[in-house]
C-alpha atoms as a PDB file:
ATOM      1  CA  MET A   1     110.659 137.501  91.767  1.00  0.00           C
ATOM      2  CA  THR A   2     113.492 135.780  93.428  1.00  0.00           C
ATOM      3  CA  THR A   3     116.237 134.027  91.409  1.00  0.00           C
ATOM      4  CA  THR A   4     115.524 130.713  93.219  1.00  0.00           C
ATOM      5  CA  ALA A   5     111.977 130.778  91.672  1.00  0.00           C
ATOM      6  CA  LEU A   6     113.361 131.132  88.172  1.00  0.00           C
ATOM      7  CA  PRO A   7     114.427 127.369  87.791  1.00  0.00           C
ATOM      8  CA  SER A   8     110.980 126.207  88.999  1.00  0.00           C
ATOM      9  CA  ILE A   9     109.241 128.484  86.559  1.00  0.00           C
ATOM     10  CA  ALA A  10     111.505 127.368  83.775  1.00  0.00           C
ATOM     11  CA  SER A  11     110.935 123.685  84.652  1.00  0.00           C
ATOM     12  CA  ARG A  12     107.149 124.128  84.653  1.00  0.00           C
ATOM     13  CA  PHE A  13     107.336 125.868  81.147  1.00  0.00           C
ATOM     14  CA  HIS A  14     109.510 123.036  79.915  1.00  0.00           C
ATOM     15  CA  ALA A  15     107.141 120.401  81.285  1.00  0.00           C
ATOM     16  CA  ALA A  16     104.074 122.117  79.784  1.00  0.00           C
ATOM     17  CA  ASP A  17     105.770 122.509  76.492  1.00  0.00           C
ATOM     18  CA  ALA A  18     106.724 118.744  76.450  1.00  0.00           C
ATOM     19  CA  ALA A  19     103.188 117.817  77.234  1.00  0.00           C
ATOM     20  CA  TRP A  20     101.747 119.953  74.517  1.00  0.00           C
ATOM     21  CA  GLN A  21     104.293 118.474  72.033  1.00  0.00           C
ATOM     22  CA  ALA A  22     103.222 114.961  73.082  1.00  0.00           C
ATOM     23  CA  GLY A  23      99.654 115.978  72.448  1.00  0.00           C
ATOM     24  CA  LEU A  24     100.510 117.302  69.027  1.00  0.00           C
ATOM     25  CA  VAL A  25     102.256 114.060  68.149  1.00  0.00           C
ATOM     26  CA  ALA A  26      99.372 112.094  69.443  1.00  0.00           C
ATOM     27  CA  GLU A  27      96.975 114.043  67.306  1.00  0.00           C
ATOM     28  CA  PHE A  28      98.988 114.844  64.241  1.00  0.00           C
ATOM     29  CA  GLY A  29     101.712 112.165  64.087  1.00  0.00           C
ATOM     30  CA  ARG A  30     104.465 113.053  61.653  1.00  0.00           C
ATOM     31  CA  SER A  31     102.723 116.369  60.933  1.00  0.00           C
ATOM     32  CA  ALA A  32     103.147 117.546  64.522  1.00  0.00           C
ATOM     33  CA  SER A  33     105.968 120.024  63.858  1.00  0.00           C
ATOM     34  CA  GLU A  34     103.760 121.817  61.219  1.00  0.00           C
ATOM     35  CA  ALA A  35     100.716 121.714  63.545  1.00  0.00           C
ATOM     36  CA  ARG A  36     102.762 123.326  66.322  1.00  0.00           C
ATOM     37  CA  TYR A  37     103.280 126.464  64.345  1.00  0.00           C
ATOM     38  CA  SER A  38      99.753 126.881  62.969  1.00  0.00           C
ATOM     39  CA  ASP A  39      96.342 127.493  64.517  1.00  0.00           C
ATOM     40  CA  VAL A  40      95.338 123.871  64.258  1.00  0.00           C
ATOM     41  CA  GLY A  41      98.022 123.034  66.888  1.00  0.00           C
ATOM     42  CA  GLN A  42      95.961 125.003  69.454  1.00  0.00           C
ATOM     43  CA  GLY A  43      93.219 122.370  69.347  1.00  0.00           C
ATOM     44  CA  GLU A  44      89.515 122.889  69.293  1.00  0.00           C
ATOM     45  CA  PRO A  45      87.739 124.354  72.292  1.00  0.00           C
ATOM     46  CA  GLY A  46      86.903 121.606  74.851  1.00  0.00           C
ATOM     47  CA  THR A  47      89.650 119.249  73.617  1.00  0.00           C
ATOM     48  CA  GLU A  48      92.687 117.865  75.509  1.00  0.00           C
ATOM     49  CA  LEU A  49      94.911 119.458  72.935  1.00  0.00           C
ATOM     50  CA  ARG A  50      93.429 122.882  73.717  1.00  0.00           C
ATOM     51  CA  ARG A  51      93.904 122.306  77.454  1.00  0.00           C
ATOM     52  CA  LEU A  52      97.528 121.464  76.737  1.00  0.00           C
ATOM     53  CA  TYR A  53      98.065 124.463  74.587  1.00  0.00           C
ATOM     54  CA  VAL A  54      96.328 126.846  77.224  1.00  0.00           C
ATOM     55  CA  ALA A  55      98.538 125.321  80.005  1.00  0.00           C
ATOM     56  CA  ARG A  56     101.674 125.750  77.921  1.00  0.00           C
ATOM     57  CA  TYR A  57     100.789 129.316  77.025  1.00  0.00           C
ATOM     58  CA  ALA A  58     100.154 130.148  80.831  1.00  0.00           C
ATOM     59  CA  ALA A  59     103.602 128.705  81.642  1.00  0.00           C
ATOM     60  CA  TYR A  60     105.193 130.732  78.865  1.00  0.00           C
ATOM     61  CA  VAL A  61     103.624 133.945  80.150  1.00  0.00           C
ATOM     62  CA  ALA A  62     104.825 133.198  83.664  1.00  0.00           C
ATOM     63  CA  TRP A  63     108.399 132.408  82.323  1.00  0.00           C
ATOM     64  CA  CYS A  64     108.310 135.770  80.369  1.00  0.00           C
ATOM     65  CA  GLU A  65     107.151 137.751  83.478  1.00  0.00           C
ATOM     66  CA  ALA A  66     109.802 136.078  85.608  1.00  0.00           C
ATOM     67  CA  ASN A  67     112.480 137.032  83.031  1.00  0.00           C
ATOM     68  CA  ASP A  68     111.062 140.594  82.639  1.00  0.00           C
ATOM     69  CA  ILE A  69     110.287 140.227  78.941  1.00  0.00           C
ATOM     70  CA  GLU A  70     107.050 140.760  77.047  1.00  0.00           C
ATOM     71  CA  ALA A  71     105.238 137.631  76.021  1.00  0.00           C
ATOM     72  CA  MET A  72     104.013 137.183  72.476  1.00  0.00           C
ATOM     73  CA  ARG A  73     100.267 136.981  72.180  1.00  0.00           C
ATOM     74  CA  ALA A  74      98.628 133.601  71.543  1.00  0.00           C
END
């Protein structure tokens, strides 16, 4: 991994996280912060919220790999 790739990977993770957070707010409103840290925040299979969660987790794993740290399991 080149150090020039790290900012791009970090940007993708940030963008995916922001998109998932927006999905949480759209789905749960003021309860989004609680949903984020519970299973309900992952969305049901086949929903947009699940797609956003999966994309965010994939970006998180890529960021962890680029930084040589172990990713927490979803």
